[in-house]
Amino acid sequence: MQKTIRLKHFAPLAGVLFIAATLAACVGGQLGKNNSGEYRNGMVVSANAEASGVGLNILKKGGNAVDAAVAVQFALAVVYPNAGNLGGGGFMVYRSASGETNALDFREKAPGLAFKDMYLDAAGNPVKEKSLDGHLAAGVPGSVAGMVEAHQKYGKLKWAELVQPAVLLARNGFKITARTARELNREKERFVTYNPLGTALVKEGEWAEGDVLVQNELANTLEQIRDKGRAGFYEGPVADSLVAEMKRGAGIISAADLKNYKAVWRKPIVGNYKAYKIITMPPTSSGGIALLQLLKSVEPYPLKRWGLNSDSTVQVMVEAERRVYADRATHLGDPDFFKVPQKQLIDPAYIKSRMSNFNWAQASLSSDIKAGVFNVPEHEETTHFSIVDRDGNAVSLTTTLNGSYGSAVVVKGAGFLLNNEMDDFSVKPGAPNMYGLLGGEANAIVPEKRMLSSMTPTIIEKDGKLFMVVGTPGGSTIMTSVFQTIINVIEFDKSMQSAVTAKRFHHQWMPDSVYVEKGTLDSAAVLELTKRGYHLKPRGPIGRVDAILKTKWGYYQGGADPRGDDKAMGW
């Protein structure tokens, strides 16, 4: 008689076999998600759920991180009109699964007819409206050229396959969020003023959550880009529409400016914070240099022991920020036009000397803090997304129109918003831009020069392996938001989501105030910092960080900023 084998006698073995099978499936990518909402096969974190979904679908189709980045960028141009764009520019930091790194500068440029004093009145005073609103505020767009460059160098899927989802979103429409409805209603007067021939962004009555936004002119432009690549934007009908728009509104971007625009590959800035390797954006962005300066400035201090947002932690971080922003105002500009003392600015000895003269008992005065001396010959409507694919290739990409909805000019016949990026130049040395940032001759207006940026797309390694992909919008607060998010993970053991969600503070040298989100500091910290002479000013949300952390178990953990409609998606 055959004996029945009872499973309970083999329970330990069955458990081992089950665990082994599970681990094998995970390694093979079959079980992509664990119970903590972490993913094995890839992740997209962006400012909009529709765009994140587009990127995730590209990853699932076999596209790599750059393919997904291209698709997300074009999708954001449709579904996130306040900052996602065709008519702006930005920066991308890339790290391959094997550790190769690169940085792409597709920042806008000053038109060929631009000149140094173009935004000053007869008395030599800045006329802020001229650099912020209308046709004259726009720089030559770089976004499309940047995406073409990225795809040609690293892309895997066909170009048309990456642009088509954005075409469908524009042609068929999508349901707007409550936030987008509020913004479109708020901006209606500007849109009407600068678009007398009409735009899809204006409707009879008020926009409401769930309304469907259809943008047929934008769909036509995207089809040109889908079918003709770079030439579909910088030449032909779209370029003709942009030049005609310039003539209608006394702008100065020409057909030659468009045809001559080039995105530029640059060598990333690489440095270290403790055991972590920081890979970040070089000039034309000031963000990478500033981030390394900030991290190295606080590295000697026991932040972990002091605690998150304690008075000592905040004080040392604020004093670092004060000095770094003073350097930014003097030493940073387009490296194709100005000798940036990059090596000196991130030299550990220099950074140590900068932090040697602050007093624990009393706040430094920004008026006493000057830039270092060397002997050398983004409402904040930027947007950021972070992407990692199944193989471990990573993209950190920040792009912008500068102010919310840029210059408010929608190119008639082409359907896309133009940036107001010319305000990021130093309109006049010592005069603040829309974010209160000061600048000097290094960032003066010159034809075909790229204006200085604060964008800080960053990738971090630990022990030679991918650790974090991070970035944010936020104008002048970008560098400090990225800085604090990194510190939150490394020093305070935060998960990616909690690091992104944590309240933030910001100091930028001038004005001499510490801007603080509500709930950042407890009453004891407020009392101590105020007693030492720090001017604390409450303000609204600081940054919208979108980031990805790779855990020690090999899963991807997303952080989508709750300050916006941001969404992390993985598989």
Protein backbone atom coordinates (compact mmCIF):
# COMPACT_ATOMS: atom_id res chain seq x y z
CA MET A 1 0.00 0.00 0.00
CA GLN A 2 1.38 3.36 -1.07
CA LYS A 3 1.90 5.80 1.77
CA THR A 4 0.45 9.31 1.61
CA ILE A 5 3.15 11.94 1.97
CA ARG A 6 1.90 14.65 4.26
CA LEU A 7 3.08 18.16 3.33
CA LYS A 8 3.43 19.18 6.97
CA HIS A 9 6.38 16.78 7.32
CA PHE A 10 8.14 18.79 4.61
CA ALA A 11 7.02 22.26 5.63
CA PRO A 12 10.56 23.54 6.30
CA LEU A 13 11.72 22.29 2.90
CA ALA A 14 8.63 23.71 1.19
CA GLY A 15 9.33 27.07 2.78
CA VAL A 16 12.91 27.06 1.60
CA LEU A 17 11.84 26.11 -1.92
CA PHE A 18 9.21 28.87 -1.95
CA ILE A 19 11.72 31.49 -0.78
CA ALA A 20 14.27 30.31 -3.32
CA ALA A 21 11.69 30.48 -6.11
CA THR A 22 10.63 33.95 -5.01
CA LEU A 23 14.20 35.22 -4.93
CA ALA A 24 14.89 33.73 -8.34
CA ALA A 25 11.79 35.39 -9.76
CA CYS A 26 12.82 38.72 -8.28
CA VAL A 27 16.30 38.48 -9.72
CA GLY A 28 14.80 37.58 -13.07
CA GLY A 29 12.51 40.59 -12.90
CA GLN A 30 9.28 38.55 -12.71
CA LEU A 31 8.20 39.92 -9.35
CA GLY A 32 8.77 43.63 -9.85
CA LYS A 33 7.06 44.98 -6.73
CA ASN A 34 7.43 44.18 -3.06
CA ASN A 35 5.00 44.86 -0.25
CA SER A 36 6.58 48.23 0.52
CA GLY A 37 5.66 49.71 -2.85
CA GLU A 38 9.22 49.38 -4.14
CA TYR A 39 9.98 48.19 -7.64
CA ARG A 40 12.64 46.02 -9.22
CA ASN A 41 12.39 46.72 -12.96
CA GLY A 42 12.36 50.48 -13.24
CA MET A 43 10.72 53.69 -12.07
CA VAL A 44 9.56 57.08 -13.31
CA VAL A 45 8.87 60.02 -10.99
CA SER A 46 7.54 63.21 -12.59
CA ALA A 47 5.29 66.19 -11.92
CA ASN A 48 2.22 64.61 -13.52
CA ALA A 49 0.63 61.15 -13.41
CA GLU A 50 -0.13 61.15 -17.16
CA ALA A 51 3.51 61.84 -17.97
CA SER A 52 4.80 59.28 -15.48
CA GLY A 53 2.49 56.72 -17.06
CA VAL A 54 3.84 57.50 -20.52
CA GLY A 55 7.40 56.97 -19.31
CA LEU A 56 6.54 53.73 -17.53
CA ASN A 57 4.92 52.33 -20.68
CA ILE A 58 8.09 53.08 -22.64
CA LEU A 59 10.14 51.17 -20.04
CA LYS A 60 7.75 48.22 -20.22
CA LYS A 61 8.08 48.21 -24.03
CA GLY A 62 11.82 47.70 -23.65
CA GLY A 63 12.89 51.30 -23.89
CA ASN A 64 15.76 52.53 -21.75
CA ALA A 65 15.88 55.46 -19.33
CA VAL A 66 16.73 57.97 -22.08
CA ASP A 67 13.85 56.74 -24.25
CA ALA A 68 11.51 57.20 -21.30
CA ALA A 69 12.97 60.64 -20.57
CA VAL A 70 12.27 61.80 -24.13
CA ALA A 71 8.69 60.51 -23.94
CA VAL A 72 8.09 62.09 -20.52
CA GLN A 73 9.53 65.42 -21.67
CA PHE A 74 7.15 65.65 -24.63
CA ALA A 75 4.19 64.41 -22.56
CA LEU A 76 4.85 67.10 -19.95
CA ALA A 77 4.79 69.72 -22.73
CA VAL A 78 1.12 68.75 -23.14
CA VAL A 79 -0.16 67.88 -19.66
CA TYR A 80 1.93 70.24 -17.53
CA PRO A 81 1.77 73.55 -19.44
CA ASN A 82 3.02 75.73 -16.59
CA ALA A 83 6.51 74.20 -16.81
CA GLY A 84 6.65 71.17 -19.12
CA ASN A 85 7.69 72.59 -22.43
CA LEU A 86 8.76 72.71 -26.05
CA GLY A 87 9.54 76.42 -25.81
CA GLY A 88 12.06 76.27 -22.96
CA GLY A 89 15.22 74.34 -22.11
CA GLY A 90 17.04 72.44 -19.41
CA PHE A 91 19.73 70.00 -18.33
CA MET A 92 20.14 66.23 -18.16
CA VAL A 93 22.57 64.15 -16.12
CA TYR A 94 22.97 60.54 -17.31
CA ARG A 95 24.57 57.47 -15.76
CA SER A 96 24.63 54.15 -17.58
CA ALA A 97 24.30 50.81 -15.82
CA SER A 98 28.05 50.33 -16.30
CA GLY A 99 28.90 53.67 -14.67
CA GLU A 100 29.43 55.88 -17.75
CA THR A 101 28.31 59.46 -17.04
CA ASN A 102 27.44 62.44 -19.20
CA ALA A 103 25.68 65.81 -18.95
CA LEU A 104 23.58 67.51 -21.61
CA ASP A 105 23.10 71.30 -21.65
CA PHE A 106 20.04 72.30 -23.67
CA ARG A 107 19.60 75.62 -21.89
CA GLU A 108 18.03 78.43 -23.90
CA LYS A 109 20.24 81.08 -25.56
CA ALA A 110 19.98 84.83 -25.98
CA PRO A 111 18.82 85.73 -29.51
CA GLY A 112 21.34 87.19 -31.94
CA LEU A 113 19.77 90.66 -31.61
CA ALA A 114 20.01 90.67 -27.80
CA PHE A 115 22.23 93.26 -26.11
CA LYS A 116 23.43 93.98 -22.60
CA ASP A 117 21.12 96.85 -21.64
CA MET A 118 18.00 95.71 -23.50
CA TYR A 119 15.83 95.67 -20.37
CA LEU A 120 16.91 99.04 -18.93
CA ASP A 121 15.03 102.33 -19.22
CA ALA A 122 16.57 105.66 -20.26
CA ALA A 123 17.80 106.19 -16.70
CA GLY A 124 19.53 102.80 -16.64
CA ASN A 125 17.01 101.11 -14.33
CA PRO A 126 15.64 97.61 -15.00
CA VAL A 127 12.13 97.40 -16.46
CA LYS A 128 11.13 94.06 -14.95
CA GLU A 129 8.04 93.50 -17.10
CA LYS A 130 10.14 93.49 -20.28
CA SER A 131 12.23 90.50 -19.15
CA LEU A 132 9.27 88.61 -17.64
CA ASP A 133 6.20 89.05 -19.85
CA GLY A 134 5.67 89.01 -23.57
CA HIS A 135 7.72 88.24 -26.63
CA LEU A 136 10.92 90.08 -25.73
CA ALA A 137 11.36 87.93 -22.59
CA ALA A 138 11.93 84.71 -24.56
CA GLY A 139 15.26 83.05 -25.20
CA VAL A 140 15.87 80.65 -28.09
CA PRO A 141 14.27 77.30 -27.04
CA GLY A 142 16.49 74.26 -26.47
CA SER A 143 14.18 71.45 -25.34
CA VAL A 144 13.59 69.77 -28.69
CA ALA A 145 17.27 69.92 -29.66
CA GLY A 146 18.15 68.44 -26.29
CA MET A 147 15.80 65.50 -26.66
CA VAL A 148 17.08 64.81 -30.19
CA GLU A 149 20.69 64.84 -28.93
CA ALA A 150 19.89 62.54 -26.02
CA HIS A 151 18.05 60.05 -28.23
CA GLN A 152 20.71 60.00 -30.94
CA LYS A 153 23.42 59.21 -28.41
CA TYR A 154 21.66 56.79 -26.07
CA GLY A 155 18.16 55.99 -27.33
CA LYS A 156 17.00 52.48 -28.13
CA LEU A 157 13.44 52.70 -29.45
CA LYS A 158 12.40 54.61 -32.57
CA TRP A 159 12.01 58.38 -32.19
CA ALA A 160 8.43 58.45 -33.49
CA GLU A 161 7.40 55.88 -30.87
CA LEU A 162 8.57 58.24 -28.12
CA VAL A 163 6.79 61.37 -29.38
CA GLN A 164 3.50 59.70 -30.36
CA PRO A 165 2.05 59.49 -26.81
CA ALA A 166 2.33 63.28 -26.51
CA VAL A 167 0.64 63.71 -29.90
CA LEU A 168 -2.31 61.64 -28.68
CA LEU A 169 -2.56 63.54 -25.39
CA ALA A 170 -2.65 66.85 -27.24
CA ARG A 171 -5.05 65.70 -29.99
CA ASN A 172 -7.49 63.71 -27.86
CA GLY A 173 -7.15 65.84 -24.74
CA PHE A 174 -6.73 64.89 -21.11
CA LYS A 175 -8.55 65.69 -17.87
CA ILE A 176 -6.89 68.54 -16.02
CA THR A 177 -6.20 68.43 -12.29
CA ALA A 178 -7.65 70.87 -9.78
CA ARG A 179 -4.23 72.50 -9.52
CA THR A 180 -3.98 73.05 -13.30
CA ALA A 181 -7.54 74.45 -13.37
CA ARG A 182 -6.66 76.99 -10.68
CA GLU A 183 -3.50 77.99 -12.51
CA LEU A 184 -5.19 78.42 -15.90
CA ASN A 185 -7.88 80.57 -14.31
CA ARG A 186 -5.26 82.63 -12.48
CA GLU A 187 -3.26 83.21 -15.67
CA LYS A 188 -6.25 83.97 -17.92
CA GLU A 189 -5.69 87.72 -18.01
CA ARG A 190 -2.03 87.29 -19.01
CA PHE A 191 -2.95 84.78 -21.71
CA VAL A 192 -5.58 87.11 -23.17
CA THR A 193 -3.18 90.06 -23.08
CA TYR A 194 -0.36 88.34 -24.92
CA ASN A 195 -2.41 86.10 -27.21
CA PRO A 196 -4.98 88.34 -28.93
CA LEU A 197 -5.48 85.69 -31.64
CA GLY A 198 -6.55 83.15 -29.02
CA THR A 199 -5.09 80.06 -27.36
CA ALA A 200 -6.37 76.66 -26.22
CA LEU A 201 -5.39 77.61 -22.66
CA VAL A 202 -8.26 80.14 -22.50
CA LYS A 203 -11.92 79.10 -22.44
CA GLU A 204 -15.29 80.71 -21.93
CA GLY A 205 -15.90 80.81 -18.22
CA GLU A 206 -13.71 79.08 -15.66
CA TRP A 207 -11.69 75.88 -15.93
CA ALA A 208 -12.63 73.14 -13.45
CA GLU A 209 -11.06 69.89 -12.32
CA GLY A 210 -11.85 67.15 -14.83
CA ASP A 211 -12.30 69.47 -17.81
CA VAL A 212 -10.71 68.07 -20.97
CA LEU A 213 -7.93 70.23 -22.45
CA VAL A 214 -7.52 69.64 -26.19
CA GLN A 215 -4.56 71.35 -27.94
CA ASN A 216 -4.79 70.74 -31.69
CA GLU A 217 -2.15 73.29 -32.71
CA LEU A 218 0.28 71.71 -30.25
CA ALA A 219 -0.62 68.27 -31.64
CA ASN A 220 0.28 69.50 -35.13
CA THR A 221 3.66 70.73 -33.85
CA LEU A 222 4.35 67.44 -32.11
CA GLU A 223 3.52 65.56 -35.31
CA GLN A 224 6.12 67.68 -37.14
CA ILE A 225 8.68 66.80 -34.45
CA ARG A 226 7.64 63.13 -34.53
CA ASP A 227 8.08 62.90 -38.30
CA LYS A 228 11.04 65.23 -38.89
CA GLY A 229 12.95 65.31 -35.61
CA ARG A 230 14.95 68.47 -35.02
CA ALA A 231 13.95 69.98 -38.38
CA GLY A 232 10.30 69.64 -37.40
CA PHE A 233 10.80 72.37 -34.80
CA TYR A 234 13.76 74.52 -35.79
CA GLU A 235 12.83 74.71 -39.48
CA GLY A 236 9.67 74.52 -41.57
CA PRO A 237 6.11 75.44 -40.51
CA VAL A 238 6.77 75.46 -36.74
CA ALA A 239 9.79 77.74 -37.05
CA ASP A 240 7.83 79.98 -39.42
CA SER A 241 5.04 80.26 -36.85
CA LEU A 242 7.50 81.16 -34.10
CA VAL A 243 9.17 83.88 -36.20
CA ALA A 244 5.75 85.27 -37.20
CA GLU A 245 4.80 85.35 -33.51
CA MET A 246 7.97 87.32 -32.75
CA LYS A 247 7.06 89.90 -35.41
CA ARG A 248 3.53 90.28 -34.01
CA GLY A 249 4.83 90.99 -30.52
CA ALA A 250 8.11 92.87 -31.17
CA GLY A 251 10.22 89.87 -30.14
CA ILE A 252 13.72 89.25 -31.52
CA ILE A 253 14.11 85.48 -32.07
CA SER A 254 14.94 84.95 -35.74
CA ALA A 255 14.90 82.01 -38.15
CA ALA A 256 18.71 82.01 -37.99
CA ASP A 257 18.62 81.81 -34.17
CA LEU A 258 16.45 78.70 -34.40
CA LYS A 259 18.45 76.98 -37.12
CA ASN A 260 21.78 77.68 -35.38
CA TYR A 261 20.75 76.47 -31.91
CA LYS A 262 22.76 73.50 -30.60
CA ALA A 263 22.52 71.48 -27.40
CA VAL A 264 25.94 70.78 -25.86
CA TRP A 265 27.35 67.70 -24.11
CA ARG A 266 29.46 68.69 -21.11
CA LYS A 267 31.57 66.79 -18.59
CA PRO A 268 29.62 66.30 -15.34
CA ILE A 269 30.94 67.73 -12.10
CA VAL A 270 31.94 64.86 -9.82
CA GLY A 271 32.74 65.10 -6.12
CA ASN A 272 32.28 63.23 -2.88
CA TYR A 273 30.24 63.55 0.27
CA LYS A 274 31.58 61.02 2.76
CA ALA A 275 31.24 57.59 1.10
CA TYR A 276 28.98 58.88 -1.66
CA LYS A 277 29.94 59.97 -5.17
CA ILE A 278 28.00 62.99 -6.41
CA ILE A 279 27.50 63.32 -10.19
CA THR A 280 25.89 66.62 -11.08
CA MET A 281 25.46 69.39 -13.64
CA PRO A 282 28.29 71.78 -14.58
CA PRO A 283 27.81 75.38 -15.81
CA THR A 284 25.75 76.80 -17.55
CA SER A 285 23.99 75.57 -14.42
CA SER A 286 25.25 76.92 -11.12
CA GLY A 287 23.49 74.06 -9.36
CA GLY A 288 26.17 71.37 -9.47
CA ILE A 289 28.97 73.56 -8.14
CA ALA A 290 26.67 74.95 -5.46
CA LEU A 291 25.50 71.48 -4.40
CA LEU A 292 29.06 70.19 -3.96
CA GLN A 293 30.01 73.35 -2.05
CA LEU A 294 27.02 72.92 0.25
CA LEU A 295 27.68 69.25 0.93
CA LYS A 296 31.40 69.74 1.56
CA SER A 297 30.65 72.76 3.79
CA VAL A 298 28.56 70.68 6.22
CA GLU A 299 30.49 67.41 5.92
CA PRO A 300 32.69 68.00 9.02
CA TYR A 301 29.69 68.63 11.29
CA PRO A 302 27.73 65.92 13.20
CA LEU A 303 24.37 66.54 11.60
CA LYS A 304 23.12 63.03 12.40
CA ARG A 305 23.76 63.60 16.11
CA TRP A 306 22.19 67.05 16.09
CA GLY A 307 19.04 65.83 14.31
CA LEU A 308 16.82 66.92 11.43
CA ASN A 309 15.99 70.64 11.53
CA SER A 310 17.52 71.17 14.97
CA ASP A 311 18.82 74.70 15.58
CA SER A 312 22.46 73.60 15.14
CA THR A 313 21.73 71.69 11.92
CA VAL A 314 19.77 74.59 10.45
CA GLN A 315 22.42 77.12 11.48
CA VAL A 316 25.34 75.37 9.84
CA MET A 317 23.34 74.67 6.68
CA VAL A 318 22.17 78.29 6.45
CA GLU A 319 25.71 79.60 6.89
CA ALA A 320 26.85 77.29 4.10
CA GLU A 321 24.03 78.50 1.86
CA ARG A 322 24.87 82.14 2.58
CA ARG A 323 28.44 81.72 1.36
CA VAL A 324 27.62 79.55 -1.63
CA TYR A 325 25.05 81.99 -3.03
CA ALA A 326 27.54 84.86 -2.63
CA ASP A 327 29.97 82.90 -4.82
CA ARG A 328 27.22 82.17 -7.34
CA ALA A 329 26.45 85.85 -7.84
CA THR A 330 30.03 86.65 -8.84
CA HIS A 331 31.67 83.60 -10.34
CA LEU A 332 29.05 81.66 -12.32
CA GLY A 333 28.05 82.11 -15.97
CA ASP A 334 28.10 80.44 -19.38
CA PRO A 335 31.54 78.73 -19.64
CA ASP A 336 31.53 79.34 -23.40
CA PHE A 337 31.71 83.08 -22.66
CA PHE A 338 33.23 83.37 -19.17
CA LYS A 339 36.07 81.61 -17.36
CA VAL A 340 34.31 79.90 -14.45
CA PRO A 341 36.72 79.08 -11.57
CA GLN A 342 35.13 75.67 -11.16
CA LYS A 343 38.16 73.88 -9.73
CA GLN A 344 38.77 76.57 -7.14
CA LEU A 345 35.13 76.81 -6.05
CA ILE A 346 34.89 73.11 -5.18
CA ASP A 347 38.36 72.81 -3.68
CA PRO A 348 37.96 71.39 -0.12
CA ALA A 349 40.51 73.81 1.32
CA TYR A 350 38.65 76.79 -0.12
CA ILE A 351 35.32 75.53 1.20
CA LYS A 352 36.80 74.94 4.64
CA SER A 353 38.16 78.48 4.70
CA ARG A 354 34.75 79.87 3.76
CA MET A 355 33.14 78.13 6.74
CA SER A 356 35.86 79.10 9.20
CA ASN A 357 34.54 82.54 10.10
CA PHE A 358 30.98 82.03 11.25
CA ASN A 359 30.04 82.51 14.88
CA TRP A 360 27.80 79.98 16.65
CA ALA A 361 26.52 82.70 18.95
CA GLN A 362 25.54 85.18 16.26
CA ALA A 363 24.25 84.96 12.68
CA SER A 364 26.61 86.19 10.00
CA LEU A 365 25.51 89.30 8.13
CA SER A 366 25.15 88.73 4.41
CA SER A 367 26.43 92.27 3.87
CA ASP A 368 29.73 91.11 5.39
CA ILE A 369 29.95 87.98 3.21
CA LYS A 370 31.59 88.52 -0.17
CA ALA A 371 32.41 86.09 -2.95
CA GLY A 372 35.78 84.37 -2.82
CA VAL A 373 38.61 86.00 -4.78
CA PHE A 374 40.47 84.00 -7.44
CA ASN A 375 43.15 84.71 -9.95
CA VAL A 376 41.36 83.62 -13.11
CA PRO A 377 41.77 84.97 -16.75
CA GLU A 378 12.84 79.38 -11.67
CA HIS A 379 6.27 81.40 -9.32
CA GLU A 380 9.16 78.88 -9.61
CA GLU A 381 7.92 76.88 -12.56
CA THR A 382 10.61 74.51 -13.57
CA THR A 383 9.92 70.77 -13.52
CA HIS A 384 12.09 67.75 -12.83
CA PHE A 385 11.83 64.03 -13.43
CA SER A 386 13.94 61.05 -12.41
CA ILE A 387 14.00 57.74 -14.30
CA VAL A 388 15.74 54.38 -13.84
CA ASP A 389 15.27 51.49 -16.26
CA ARG A 390 15.44 47.71 -15.84
CA ASP A 391 19.15 47.58 -16.62
CA GLY A 392 20.04 50.34 -14.15
CA ASN A 393 20.56 53.23 -16.59
CA ALA A 394 19.51 56.48 -14.89
CA VAL A 395 18.40 59.94 -16.03
CA SER A 396 18.00 63.05 -13.90
CA LEU A 397 16.45 65.82 -16.00
CA THR A 398 15.31 69.32 -15.09
CA THR A 399 13.60 71.57 -17.61
CA THR A 400 11.96 74.99 -17.40
CA LEU A 401 10.05 77.91 -18.84
CA ASN A 402 11.38 80.00 -15.90
CA GLY A 403 8.25 81.69 -14.52
CA SER A 404 4.88 80.00 -14.30
CA TYR A 405 3.64 79.61 -17.89
CA GLY A 406 6.79 81.38 -19.04
CA SER A 407 6.27 84.64 -20.95
CA ALA A 408 2.53 83.82 -21.35
CA VAL A 409 3.01 83.87 -25.13
CA VAL A 410 1.58 80.83 -26.95
CA VAL A 411 2.97 80.61 -30.49
CA LYS A 412 -0.04 81.01 -32.77
CA GLY A 413 -0.34 78.11 -35.19
CA ALA A 414 2.12 75.99 -33.16
CA GLY A 415 0.40 75.88 -29.77
CA PHE A 416 3.35 75.95 -27.38
CA LEU A 417 4.31 78.41 -24.66
CA LEU A 418 7.50 80.47 -24.86
CA ASN A 419 9.87 80.86 -21.92
CA ASN A 420 10.74 84.09 -20.11
CA GLU A 421 14.26 82.87 -19.52
CA MET A 422 15.97 86.16 -20.44
CA ASP A 423 15.22 87.27 -16.86
CA ASP A 424 17.81 84.73 -15.68
CA PHE A 425 20.55 86.92 -17.10
CA SER A 426 21.91 89.74 -14.96
CA VAL A 427 19.75 92.43 -16.52
CA LYS A 428 21.92 94.88 -14.60
CA PRO A 429 24.80 93.84 -12.30
CA GLY A 430 23.57 93.93 -8.71
CA ALA A 431 19.87 94.02 -9.67
CA PRO A 432 17.80 91.01 -8.50
CA ASN A 433 15.94 88.75 -10.92
CA MET A 434 12.42 87.41 -10.31
CA TYR A 435 13.76 85.09 -7.60
CA GLY A 436 15.72 87.80 -5.83
CA LEU A 437 19.04 86.37 -7.06
CA LEU A 438 21.82 88.84 -7.72
CA GLY A 439 24.29 88.53 -10.58
CA GLY A 440 27.27 90.24 -12.12
CA GLU A 441 29.20 90.60 -15.35
CA ALA A 442 29.72 86.83 -15.61
CA ASN A 443 26.00 86.50 -16.39
CA ALA A 444 25.48 89.66 -18.46
CA ILE A 445 23.41 89.47 -21.66
CA VAL A 446 25.42 88.59 -24.78
CA PRO A 447 24.01 87.31 -28.10
CA GLU A 448 23.96 83.46 -28.28
CA LYS A 449 25.01 83.17 -24.63
CA ARG A 450 23.21 80.79 -22.28
CA MET A 451 21.74 82.41 -19.17
CA LEU A 452 22.83 81.08 -15.77
CA SER A 453 20.55 78.52 -14.13
CA SER A 454 20.02 77.02 -10.67
CA MET A 455 18.86 73.63 -12.00
CA THR A 456 20.59 70.76 -10.23
CA PRO A 457 19.83 67.35 -11.76
CA THR A 458 21.99 64.90 -9.81
CA ILE A 459 22.84 61.20 -9.62
CA ILE A 460 24.57 59.64 -6.60
CA GLU A 461 26.61 56.44 -6.32
CA LYS A 462 27.61 54.42 -3.28
CA ASP A 463 30.35 51.79 -3.53
CA GLY A 464 30.37 52.19 -7.30
CA LYS A 465 26.67 51.41 -7.63
CA LEU A 466 23.63 53.59 -8.31
CA PHE A 467 22.23 55.04 -5.10
CA MET A 468 19.97 58.01 -5.86
CA VAL A 469 18.53 60.06 -8.72
CA VAL A 470 17.30 63.49 -7.59
CA GLY A 471 16.30 66.96 -8.71
CA THR A 472 13.63 69.63 -8.33
CA PRO A 473 12.11 72.79 -9.71
CA GLY A 474 12.03 75.89 -7.54
CA GLY A 475 14.05 78.75 -9.04
CA SER A 476 16.61 79.93 -6.52
CA THR A 477 15.53 77.21 -4.05
CA ILE A 478 16.54 74.34 -6.32
CA MET A 479 20.05 73.84 -4.94
CA THR A 480 18.98 74.00 -1.31
CA SER A 481 16.05 71.61 -1.88
CA VAL A 482 18.29 69.01 -3.53
CA PHE A 483 20.89 69.56 -0.79
CA GLN A 484 18.40 68.98 2.01
CA THR A 485 16.83 65.93 0.35
CA ILE A 486 20.25 64.26 0.03
CA ILE A 487 21.10 65.09 3.64
CA ASN A 488 17.71 63.74 4.78
CA VAL A 489 18.54 60.33 3.32
CA ILE A 490 22.25 60.06 4.11
CA GLU A 491 22.34 61.70 7.55
CA PHE A 492 18.83 61.19 8.88
CA ASP A 493 18.05 57.74 7.41
CA LYS A 494 14.86 58.88 5.72
CA SER A 495 13.12 56.79 3.08
CA MET A 496 13.00 58.45 -0.33
CA GLN A 497 9.40 59.54 0.08
CA SER A 498 9.84 60.88 3.60
CA ALA A 499 13.03 62.71 2.57
CA VAL A 500 11.11 64.42 -0.24
CA THR A 501 8.10 65.18 1.94
CA ALA A 502 10.13 66.66 4.82
CA LYS A 503 9.71 70.42 5.37
CA ARG A 504 12.44 72.71 3.99
CA PHE A 505 14.16 76.02 4.60
CA HIS A 506 16.17 78.27 2.29
CA HIS A 507 18.76 81.06 2.42
CA GLN A 508 20.29 82.67 -0.67
CA TRP A 509 22.68 85.31 0.72
CA MET A 510 20.54 88.24 -0.42
CA PRO A 511 18.02 89.12 0.90
CA ASP A 512 19.37 88.21 4.34
CA SER A 513 16.44 86.05 5.47
CA VAL A 514 15.86 82.37 6.15
CA TYR A 515 12.70 81.28 4.33
CA VAL A 516 10.93 78.48 6.18
CA GLU A 517 8.01 76.26 5.24
CA LYS A 518 5.32 76.09 7.90
CA GLY A 519 6.04 73.24 10.32
CA THR A 520 9.77 72.98 9.55
CA LEU A 521 11.05 74.16 12.92
CA ASP A 522 9.80 73.50 16.42
CA SER A 523 9.39 76.36 18.89
CA ALA A 524 12.73 75.68 20.59
CA ALA A 525 14.65 75.90 17.31
CA VAL A 526 12.78 79.08 16.33
CA LEU A 527 13.64 80.67 19.70
CA GLU A 528 17.33 79.73 19.48
CA LEU A 529 17.82 80.85 15.89
CA THR A 530 15.96 84.11 16.45
CA LYS A 531 18.06 84.78 19.54
CA ARG A 532 21.21 84.37 17.44
CA GLY A 533 20.02 86.94 14.91
CA TYR A 534 18.53 84.83 12.11
CA HIS A 535 15.58 86.46 10.34
CA LEU A 536 13.05 83.66 9.86
CA LYS A 537 10.32 84.26 7.29
CA PRO A 538 7.46 81.81 6.68
CA ARG A 539 6.63 81.04 3.06
CA GLY A 540 4.74 78.58 0.90
CA PRO A 541 6.06 75.33 -0.55
CA ILE A 542 9.79 75.16 -1.36
CA GLY A 543 10.62 72.98 -4.37
CA ARG A 544 8.91 69.87 -5.74
CA VAL A 545 11.54 67.15 -5.51
CA ASP A 546 11.12 64.00 -7.58
CA ALA A 547 13.66 61.32 -6.72
CA ILE A 548 14.49 57.62 -6.77
CA LEU A 549 16.51 55.66 -4.21
CA LYS A 550 17.97 52.23 -4.86
CA THR A 551 17.76 50.19 -1.68
CA LYS A 552 20.37 47.72 -0.50
CA TRP A 553 17.97 44.96 -1.59
CA GLY A 554 18.07 46.21 -5.19
CA TYR A 555 14.58 47.73 -5.28
CA TYR A 556 13.74 51.25 -6.49
CA GLN A 557 12.00 53.47 -3.98
CA GLY A 558 10.26 56.58 -5.31
CA GLY A 559 9.77 59.99 -3.77
CA ALA A 560 7.07 62.10 -5.47
CA ASP A 561 6.65 65.53 -3.92
CA PRO A 562 3.24 66.03 -2.26
CA ARG A 563 3.63 69.79 -2.83
CA GLY A 564 2.38 69.14 -6.38
CA ASP A 565 0.47 66.55 -8.39
CA ASP A 566 3.68 64.54 -8.74
CA LYS A 567 3.54 60.78 -9.23
CA ALA A 568 5.99 57.90 -8.83
CA MET A 569 5.32 54.79 -10.94
CA GLY A 570 7.31 51.58 -11.22
CA TRP A 571 7.10 47.96 -12.25
